[in-house]
Amino acid sequence: EDLTEVVNKTVADVTTHEELDNATKSFDEMKDDMKTMRVQMADVMAMNRPLTDTVTHYKLKLRNF
């Protein structure tokens, strides 16, 4: 191999390493976003239960009206 080939391979390896590092950071950010969404979904489900109970209660009241 001549020096040009070695340099080109090294540059390609560095670029690949940087891309993998960026992908890892993006994946970590996505995992954090997923954790946040799970918490938000649990909150929405917790709020939905009383709302469903209220709607059911009023449906029964209207049915018996």
N, C-alpha and C. Protein backbone atom coordinates (compact mmCIF):
# COMPACT_ATOMS: atom_id res chain seq x y z
N GLU A 1 0.84 -1.19 0.00
CA GLU A 1 0.00 0.00 0.00
C GLU A 1 0.88 1.25 0.00
N ASP A 2 0.43 2.21 -0.74
CA ASP A 2 1.19 3.45 -0.69
C ASP A 2 0.57 4.38 0.35
N LEU A 3 1.24 5.45 0.60
CA LEU A 3 0.83 6.39 1.65
C LEU A 3 -0.57 6.95 1.40
N THR A 4 -0.90 7.21 0.15
CA THR A 4 -2.22 7.76 -0.19
C THR A 4 -3.33 6.80 0.21
N GLU A 5 -3.14 5.51 -0.07
CA GLU A 5 -4.15 4.51 0.30
C GLU A 5 -4.31 4.43 1.81
N VAL A 6 -3.21 4.44 2.52
CA VAL A 6 -3.26 4.38 3.98
C VAL A 6 -4.00 5.59 4.54
N VAL A 7 -3.70 6.77 4.01
CA VAL A 7 -4.37 7.99 4.47
C VAL A 7 -5.86 7.91 4.15
N ASN A 8 -6.21 7.48 2.95
CA ASN A 8 -7.62 7.38 2.57
C ASN A 8 -8.38 6.39 3.46
N LYS A 9 -7.75 5.26 3.76
CA LYS A 9 -8.39 4.28 4.64
C LYS A 9 -8.55 4.85 6.05
N THR A 10 -7.54 5.55 6.52
CA THR A 10 -7.61 6.16 7.86
C THR A 10 -8.72 7.20 7.92
N VAL A 11 -8.83 8.02 6.90
CA VAL A 11 -9.90 9.02 6.84
C VAL A 11 -11.26 8.33 6.83
N ALA A 12 -11.39 7.26 6.05
CA ALA A 12 -12.65 6.52 6.00
C ALA A 12 -12.98 5.92 7.36
N ASP A 13 -11.97 5.38 8.04
CA ASP A 13 -12.18 4.80 9.37
C ASP A 13 -12.62 5.87 10.37
N VAL A 14 -11.99 7.04 10.31
CA VAL A 14 -12.35 8.14 11.22
C VAL A 14 -13.78 8.59 10.94
N THR A 15 -14.13 8.72 9.66
CA THR A 15 -15.49 9.13 9.29
C THR A 15 -16.50 8.11 9.79
N THR A 16 -16.21 6.83 9.61
CA THR A 16 -17.11 5.78 10.09
C THR A 16 -17.26 5.85 11.60
N HIS A 17 -16.15 6.06 12.29
CA HIS A 17 -16.19 6.17 13.75
C HIS A 17 -17.05 7.35 14.19
N GLU A 18 -16.90 8.49 13.51
CA GLU A 18 -17.70 9.68 13.84
C GLU A 18 -19.18 9.42 13.58
N GLU A 19 -19.49 8.74 12.47
CA GLU A 19 -20.88 8.43 12.16
C GLU A 19 -21.47 7.49 13.20
N LEU A 20 -20.69 6.50 13.63
CA LEU A 20 -21.17 5.59 14.67
C LEU A 20 -21.37 6.33 15.99
N ASP A 21 -20.47 7.25 16.30
CA ASP A 21 -20.60 8.04 17.52
C ASP A 21 -21.87 8.89 17.47
N ASN A 22 -22.13 9.51 16.31
CA ASN A 22 -23.35 10.30 16.15
C ASN A 22 -24.59 9.43 16.25
N ALA A 23 -24.53 8.23 15.67
CA ALA A 23 -25.67 7.32 15.75
C ALA A 23 -25.93 6.91 17.19
N THR A 24 -24.87 6.67 17.94
CA THR A 24 -25.01 6.30 19.35
C THR A 24 -25.65 7.43 20.14
N LYS A 25 -25.20 8.65 19.89
CA LYS A 25 -25.79 9.81 20.58
C LYS A 25 -27.26 9.96 20.22
N SER A 26 -27.59 9.80 18.94
CA SER A 26 -28.98 9.90 18.50
C SER A 26 -29.83 8.82 19.16
N PHE A 27 -29.28 7.60 19.23
CA PHE A 27 -30.02 6.50 19.84
C PHE A 27 -30.26 6.78 21.32
N ASP A 28 -29.25 7.30 22.02
CA ASP A 28 -29.41 7.63 23.43
C ASP A 28 -30.47 8.71 23.62
N GLU A 29 -30.47 9.71 22.74
CA GLU A 29 -31.49 10.75 22.81
C GLU A 29 -32.87 10.16 22.57
N MET A 30 -32.97 9.23 21.61
CA MET A 30 -34.25 8.59 21.32
C MET A 30 -34.72 7.78 22.53
N LYS A 31 -33.80 7.09 23.20
CA LYS A 31 -34.18 6.32 24.39
C LYS A 31 -34.72 7.25 25.47
N ASP A 32 -34.08 8.42 25.65
CA ASP A 32 -34.57 9.39 26.63
C ASP A 32 -35.96 9.89 26.24
N ASP A 33 -36.16 10.15 24.95
CA ASP A 33 -37.48 10.59 24.48
C ASP A 33 -38.54 9.52 24.73
N MET A 34 -38.17 8.26 24.52
CA MET A 34 -39.11 7.16 24.75
C MET A 34 -39.48 7.05 26.23
N LYS A 35 -38.52 7.25 27.11
CA LYS A 35 -38.80 7.23 28.54
C LYS A 35 -39.78 8.33 28.90
N THR A 36 -39.55 9.53 28.35
CA THR A 36 -40.44 10.66 28.60
C THR A 36 -41.84 10.36 28.09
N MET A 37 -41.93 9.78 26.89
CA MET A 37 -43.25 9.46 26.32
C MET A 37 -43.97 8.40 27.15
N ARG A 38 -43.22 7.43 27.68
CA ARG A 38 -43.85 6.41 28.54
C ARG A 38 -44.48 7.05 29.77
N VAL A 39 -43.75 7.99 30.38
CA VAL A 39 -44.28 8.69 31.56
C VAL A 39 -45.51 9.50 31.17
N GLN A 40 -45.44 10.19 30.04
CA GLN A 40 -46.59 10.98 29.59
C GLN A 40 -47.79 10.09 29.29
N MET A 41 -47.55 8.94 28.69
CA MET A 41 -48.63 8.01 28.38
C MET A 41 -49.27 7.50 29.67
N ALA A 42 -48.47 7.20 30.67
CA ALA A 42 -49.01 6.75 31.95
C ALA A 42 -49.86 7.86 32.58
N ASP A 43 -49.40 9.11 32.47
CA ASP A 43 -50.18 10.24 32.99
C ASP A 43 -51.51 10.38 32.26
N VAL A 44 -51.48 10.24 30.94
CA VAL A 44 -52.72 10.35 30.14
C VAL A 44 -53.68 9.23 30.52
N MET A 45 -53.16 8.03 30.69
CA MET A 45 -54.03 6.91 31.07
C MET A 45 -54.62 7.13 32.46
N ALA A 46 -53.83 7.67 33.36
CA ALA A 46 -54.32 7.95 34.71
C ALA A 46 -55.41 9.01 34.68
N MET A 47 -55.28 10.00 33.81
CA MET A 47 -56.31 11.04 33.69
C MET A 47 -57.55 10.51 32.98
N ASN A 48 -57.36 9.56 32.08
CA ASN A 48 -58.46 9.01 31.30
C ASN A 48 -59.43 8.21 32.16
N ARG A 49 -58.93 7.51 33.15
CA ARG A 49 -59.78 6.65 33.99
C ARG A 49 -60.89 7.45 34.67
N PRO A 50 -60.60 8.53 35.39
CA PRO A 50 -61.68 9.29 36.02
C PRO A 50 -62.64 9.90 34.99
N LEU A 51 -62.11 10.30 33.83
CA LEU A 51 -62.97 10.86 32.79
C LEU A 51 -63.94 9.80 32.28
N THR A 52 -63.44 8.59 32.07
CA THR A 52 -64.30 7.49 31.63
C THR A 52 -65.36 7.20 32.68
N ASP A 53 -64.97 7.19 33.94
CA ASP A 53 -65.93 6.96 35.02
C ASP A 53 -67.00 8.05 35.04
N THR A 54 -66.61 9.29 34.82
CA THR A 54 -67.57 10.41 34.81
C THR A 54 -68.55 10.26 33.66
N VAL A 55 -68.03 9.94 32.47
CA VAL A 55 -68.91 9.76 31.30
C VAL A 55 -69.87 8.61 31.54
N THR A 56 -69.39 7.52 32.08
CA THR A 56 -70.25 6.37 32.38
C THR A 56 -71.33 6.76 33.38
N HIS A 57 -70.96 7.51 34.39
CA HIS A 57 -71.90 7.97 35.41
C HIS A 57 -73.02 8.80 34.77
N TYR A 58 -72.66 9.74 33.92
CA TYR A 58 -73.67 10.60 33.29
C TYR A 58 -74.50 9.83 32.27
N LYS A 59 -73.93 8.86 31.61
CA LYS A 59 -74.72 8.02 30.69
C LYS A 59 -75.81 7.30 31.47
N LEU A 60 -75.45 6.75 32.62
CA LEU A 60 -76.44 6.05 33.45
C LEU A 60 -77.52 7.01 33.93
N LYS A 61 -77.12 8.21 34.32
CA LYS A 61 -78.09 9.21 34.77
C LYS A 61 -79.06 9.56 33.65
N LEU A 62 -78.54 9.75 32.45
CA LEU A 62 -79.40 10.08 31.31
C LEU A 62 -80.32 8.92 30.96
N ARG A 63 -79.81 7.73 31.05
CA ARG A 63 -80.61 6.55 30.74
C ARG A 63 -81.78 6.43 31.73
N ASN A 64 -81.54 6.80 32.97
CA ASN A 64 -82.58 6.69 34.00
C ASN A 64 -83.41 7.96 34.14
N PHE A 65 -83.18 8.93 33.31
CA PHE A 65 -83.87 10.22 33.40
C PHE A 65 -85.30 10.13 32.97
